[in-house]
């Protein structure tokens, strides 16, 4: 078999050796000053060329004996200390000029509940092994990222928004129990627009994806019933590949 190699003289490429990297766009939620949930993601500041000093998605190189899903989990943990509750392959990015050297990136997108972020960050901090150069950014206010990572984030956000329309993937960002108003706020954060409360309530109550509990959220307003995700309904249908790849979902879903 003849191996096809890209000439070192190809525009923007300094080597004819192709390497494979794995990166992950991991979404979570944080509440802003007005107590509204905002979709956020962690970035890692690069400390070497290319793009020294710029922010980038967490990731790393694929080991020759490593499955892709395992590599995504490992590189995410090594760079951010985070373990997602949901992980799915997004796309392969391989434009010749995306890096000074020839690099193909297998990109994943993931979800992590806000309370799990706090717990995992605290655990690493107490153990003295908190990752360095990591910061969280609002998806609507990202800086210029290294490589083609702005394009990658845009595509991951598009995928999340589309799946939120026909699956219960948004539940992967929810706590164990929540009110319908809290769930609607999360959908609004994902979709980037307001939703009619009455229509939203009717749709989700008829979806078969939620279970009513006997508990209520009390406070300054009228008590609101708490719901939990239906554990027998997957966050998103991954098709036949789900049987042959490792699916990362929280036990609470």
Protein backbone atom coordinates (compact mmCIF):
# COMPACT_ATOMS: atom_id res chain seq x y z
CA UNK A 1 0.00 0.00 0.00
CA UNK A 2 1.33 3.39 -0.95
CA UNK A 3 1.23 5.94 1.83
CA UNK A 4 0.08 9.37 0.73
CA UNK A 5 2.11 12.12 2.34
CA UNK A 6 1.50 15.84 2.22
CA UNK A 7 4.58 17.68 0.97
CA UNK A 8 6.34 19.83 3.52
CA UNK A 9 5.91 22.72 1.10
CA UNK A 10 2.10 22.64 1.40
CA UNK A 11 0.79 26.10 2.41
CA UNK A 12 0.96 26.63 6.17
CA UNK A 13 2.43 23.17 6.89
CA UNK A 14 5.97 22.71 8.21
CA UNK A 15 6.06 18.89 8.28
CA UNK A 16 4.89 15.92 6.26
CA UNK A 17 4.08 13.92 9.40
CA UNK A 18 0.43 13.85 10.42
CA UNK A 19 -0.40 13.76 14.13
CA UNK A 20 -3.79 13.14 15.72
CA UNK A 21 -5.02 15.21 18.65
CA UNK A 22 -8.19 15.01 20.73
CA UNK A 23 -9.95 18.14 22.03
CA UNK A 24 -13.17 18.64 23.98
CA UNK A 25 -15.72 21.43 24.19
CA UNK A 26 -17.29 20.96 27.61
CA UNK A 27 -20.35 23.04 28.46
CA UNK A 28 -21.62 23.90 31.91
CA UNK A 29 -23.73 26.63 33.53
CA UNK A 30 -22.98 29.56 35.79
CA UNK A 31 -25.38 32.16 37.11
CA UNK A 32 -24.66 35.79 36.31
CA UNK A 33 -25.18 38.86 38.48
CA UNK A 34 -28.91 38.78 37.67
CA UNK A 35 -29.08 35.12 38.81
CA UNK A 36 -29.69 33.89 35.26
CA UNK A 37 -27.87 30.76 34.06
CA UNK A 38 -25.27 31.35 31.37
CA UNK A 39 -23.64 28.71 29.20
CA UNK A 40 -19.91 28.58 29.90
CA UNK A 41 -16.89 26.48 28.95
CA UNK A 42 -13.32 26.06 30.26
CA UNK A 43 -10.31 27.11 28.20
CA UNK A 44 -6.61 26.50 28.73
CA UNK A 45 -4.00 29.22 28.17
CA UNK A 46 -1.18 27.94 25.96
CA UNK A 47 2.34 28.27 27.33
CA UNK A 48 4.29 27.44 24.17
CA UNK A 49 4.27 28.03 20.44
CA UNK A 50 2.30 27.92 18.29
CA UNK A 51 -0.12 30.50 19.69
CA UNK A 52 1.77 31.00 22.94
CA UNK A 53 -0.42 32.99 25.35
CA UNK A 54 -3.71 32.39 23.55
CA UNK A 55 -6.60 30.43 25.02
CA UNK A 56 -7.46 27.04 23.55
CA UNK A 57 -9.75 24.09 24.08
CA UNK A 58 -8.52 21.41 26.48
CA UNK A 59 -6.96 18.47 24.70
CA UNK A 60 -3.83 16.52 23.89
CA UNK A 61 -2.29 13.90 21.67
CA UNK A 62 -3.87 10.53 20.94
CA UNK A 63 -1.85 7.60 22.23
CA UNK A 64 -1.27 4.85 19.67
CA UNK A 65 -2.92 2.22 21.93
CA UNK A 66 -5.78 4.43 23.14
CA UNK A 67 -9.43 4.49 22.13
CA UNK A 68 -10.78 7.90 21.12
CA UNK A 69 -13.35 8.17 23.92
CA UNK A 70 -10.69 7.25 26.47
CA UNK A 71 -8.32 9.84 25.02
CA UNK A 72 -10.99 12.53 25.23
CA UNK A 73 -11.66 11.72 28.90
CA UNK A 74 -7.96 11.51 29.75
CA UNK A 75 -6.88 14.74 28.06
CA UNK A 76 -9.81 16.63 29.55
CA UNK A 77 -8.94 15.39 33.05
CA UNK A 78 -5.24 16.17 32.60
CA UNK A 79 -5.79 19.73 31.38
CA UNK A 80 -8.81 20.81 33.46
CA UNK A 81 -9.33 18.19 36.17
CA UNK A 82 -12.91 17.69 34.95
CA UNK A 83 -14.87 14.49 34.30
CA UNK A 84 -17.97 15.07 32.15
CA UNK A 85 -21.39 13.57 32.80
CA UNK A 86 -22.03 13.31 29.04
CA UNK A 87 -19.48 12.91 26.26
CA UNK A 88 -20.06 12.55 22.52
CA UNK A 89 -17.84 12.76 19.45
CA UNK A 90 -18.48 15.93 17.48
CA UNK A 91 -16.40 16.10 14.30
CA UNK A 92 -12.92 15.72 12.83
CA UNK A 93 -11.17 18.99 11.97
CA UNK A 94 -8.32 18.58 9.51
CA UNK A 95 -7.80 21.66 7.34
CA UNK A 96 -4.21 21.60 6.14
CA UNK A 97 -3.44 25.12 7.39
CA UNK A 98 -5.14 24.82 10.80
CA UNK A 99 -1.73 24.34 12.45
CA UNK A 100 1.90 25.02 11.50
CA UNK A 101 2.41 21.24 11.65
CA UNK A 102 -0.01 18.72 10.15
CA UNK A 103 -2.54 17.98 12.89
CA UNK A 104 -5.96 16.36 12.64
CA UNK A 105 -8.14 16.96 15.71
CA UNK A 106 -10.90 14.58 16.76
CA UNK A 107 -13.23 16.83 18.73
CA UNK A 108 -15.74 15.87 21.39
CA UNK A 109 -18.44 17.90 23.08
CA UNK A 110 -19.46 17.27 26.66
CA UNK A 111 -21.75 18.41 29.46
CA UNK A 112 -21.10 18.88 33.16
CA UNK A 113 -23.51 20.03 35.85
CA UNK A 114 -22.56 23.20 37.71
CA UNK A 115 -22.59 21.45 41.09
CA UNK A 116 -20.28 18.77 39.71
CA UNK A 117 -17.89 21.44 38.41
CA UNK A 118 -17.67 22.97 41.90
CA UNK A 119 -17.17 19.57 43.53
CA UNK A 120 -14.46 18.46 41.10
CA UNK A 121 -12.59 21.77 41.25
CA UNK A 122 -12.72 21.72 45.06
CA UNK A 123 -11.44 18.14 45.15
CA UNK A 124 -8.41 18.99 43.03
CA UNK A 125 -7.74 22.16 45.00
CA UNK A 126 -7.78 20.28 48.31
CA UNK A 127 -5.46 17.66 46.84
CA UNK A 128 -3.00 20.28 45.64
CA UNK A 129 -3.19 19.15 42.02
CA UNK A 130 -5.49 21.79 40.56
CA UNK A 131 -4.71 22.32 36.84
CA UNK A 132 -3.05 25.61 35.97
CA UNK A 133 -3.91 28.13 33.26
CA UNK A 134 -7.61 27.18 33.20
CA UNK A 135 -10.42 29.75 33.14
CA UNK A 136 -14.15 29.70 32.39
CA UNK A 137 -15.68 31.84 29.65
CA UNK A 138 -19.20 32.74 28.56
CA UNK A 139 -19.84 31.08 25.18
CA UNK A 140 -21.16 34.41 23.89
CA UNK A 141 -18.03 36.32 24.91
CA UNK A 142 -15.04 34.26 23.83
CA UNK A 143 -11.61 35.73 23.03
CA UNK A 144 -9.73 34.89 19.85
CA UNK A 145 -8.69 31.28 20.35
CA UNK A 146 -5.71 29.32 19.09
CA UNK A 147 -5.90 27.28 15.89
CA UNK A 148 -9.48 26.97 14.59
CA UNK A 149 -10.99 26.60 18.06
CA UNK A 150 -13.48 29.46 17.67
CA UNK A 151 -14.96 27.60 14.71
CA UNK A 152 -15.00 24.38 16.73
CA UNK A 153 -16.89 26.01 19.61
CA UNK A 154 -19.43 27.47 17.18
CA UNK A 155 -20.05 24.02 15.72
CA UNK A 156 -20.34 22.39 19.16
CA UNK A 157 -22.83 25.03 20.25
CA UNK A 158 -24.84 24.47 17.06
CA UNK A 159 -24.90 20.74 17.80
CA UNK A 160 -26.02 21.29 21.40
CA UNK A 161 -28.80 23.66 20.35
CA UNK A 162 -30.07 21.26 17.71
CA UNK A 163 -30.07 18.27 20.04
CA UNK A 164 -31.84 20.30 22.72
CA UNK A 165 -34.75 20.62 20.29
CA UNK A 166 -35.43 16.90 19.90
CA UNK A 167 -33.82 15.17 22.91
CA UNK A 168 -33.48 15.66 26.63
CA UNK A 169 -29.75 16.41 26.39
CA UNK A 170 -30.29 19.68 28.32
CA UNK A 171 -31.07 17.54 31.38
CA UNK A 172 -27.36 16.74 31.48
CA UNK A 173 -26.84 20.24 32.90
CA UNK A 174 -29.52 19.91 35.60
CA UNK A 175 -29.25 18.98 39.27
CA UNK A 176 -30.89 15.81 40.61
CA UNK A 177 -34.20 17.65 41.01
CA UNK A 178 -35.41 20.94 39.57
CA UNK A 179 -38.47 23.04 38.90
CA UNK A 180 -39.90 23.52 35.43
CA UNK A 181 -38.92 27.19 35.62
CA UNK A 182 -35.30 26.19 36.31
CA UNK A 183 -35.37 23.75 33.38
CA UNK A 184 -36.82 26.45 31.11
CA UNK A 185 -34.01 28.83 32.10
CA UNK A 186 -31.46 26.22 31.06
CA UNK A 187 -33.12 25.77 27.68
CA UNK A 188 -33.12 29.55 27.26
CA UNK A 189 -29.40 29.67 28.09
CA UNK A 190 -28.70 26.99 25.50
CA UNK A 191 -30.93 28.38 22.76
CA UNK A 192 -30.08 32.02 23.41
CA UNK A 193 -33.71 33.16 23.41
CA UNK A 194 -36.71 33.41 25.71
CA UNK A 195 -39.37 30.70 25.76
CA UNK A 196 -43.06 31.04 26.54
CA UNK A 197 -43.53 29.54 30.04
CA UNK A 198 -46.97 28.04 29.39
CA UNK A 199 -45.98 26.41 26.10
CA UNK A 200 -42.76 25.11 27.60
CA UNK A 201 -44.58 23.57 30.59
CA UNK A 202 -47.07 21.85 28.33
CA UNK A 203 -44.39 20.44 26.05
CA UNK A 204 -42.10 19.05 28.74
CA UNK A 205 -44.95 17.61 30.84
CA UNK A 206 -46.17 15.74 27.75
CA UNK A 207 -42.69 14.61 26.68
CA UNK A 208 -42.42 11.62 28.99
CA UNK A 209 -38.86 12.61 29.95
CA UNK A 210 -39.64 13.94 33.44
CA UNK A 211 -40.87 12.39 36.68
CA UNK A 212 -42.94 14.45 39.13
CA UNK A 213 -41.74 14.21 42.72
CA UNK A 214 -43.67 14.91 45.91
CA UNK A 215 -41.27 17.69 46.89
CA UNK A 216 -41.52 21.43 46.32
CA UNK A 217 -39.08 24.33 46.07
CA UNK A 218 -40.07 26.95 48.66
CA UNK A 219 -38.92 30.53 48.95
CA UNK A 220 -40.23 34.02 48.34
CA UNK A 221 -42.69 32.78 45.73
CA UNK A 222 -45.40 30.15 45.57
CA UNK A 223 -43.97 26.65 46.17
CA UNK A 224 -42.95 25.01 42.88
CA UNK A 225 -43.04 21.28 42.32
CA UNK A 226 -39.72 19.52 41.81
CA UNK A 227 -39.11 17.10 38.95
CA UNK A 228 -36.33 14.70 38.12
CA UNK A 229 -35.17 13.26 34.78
CA UNK A 230 -36.70 9.97 33.67
CA UNK A 231 -33.81 7.54 34.14
CA UNK A 232 -35.06 5.17 31.42
CA UNK A 233 -34.83 7.86 28.71
CA UNK A 234 -31.37 8.52 27.28
CA UNK A 235 -30.04 12.06 27.14
CA UNK A 236 -29.71 11.69 23.37
CA UNK A 237 -30.08 8.84 20.90
CA UNK A 238 -26.57 7.89 19.77
CA UNK A 239 -27.74 5.18 17.37
CA UNK A 240 -25.97 1.85 16.76
CA UNK A 241 -22.56 3.28 17.71
CA UNK A 242 -23.71 3.59 21.33
CA UNK A 243 -23.41 -0.19 21.68
CA UNK A 244 -19.75 -0.22 20.65
CA UNK A 245 -18.43 2.98 22.23
CA UNK A 246 -18.21 4.10 25.82
CA UNK A 247 -21.09 6.40 26.73
CA UNK A 248 -20.42 8.79 29.60
CA UNK A 249 -23.60 9.68 31.43
CA UNK A 250 -24.19 10.53 35.05
CA UNK A 251 -25.99 7.93 37.10
CA UNK A 252 -28.61 10.54 37.88
CA UNK A 253 -29.88 10.74 34.31
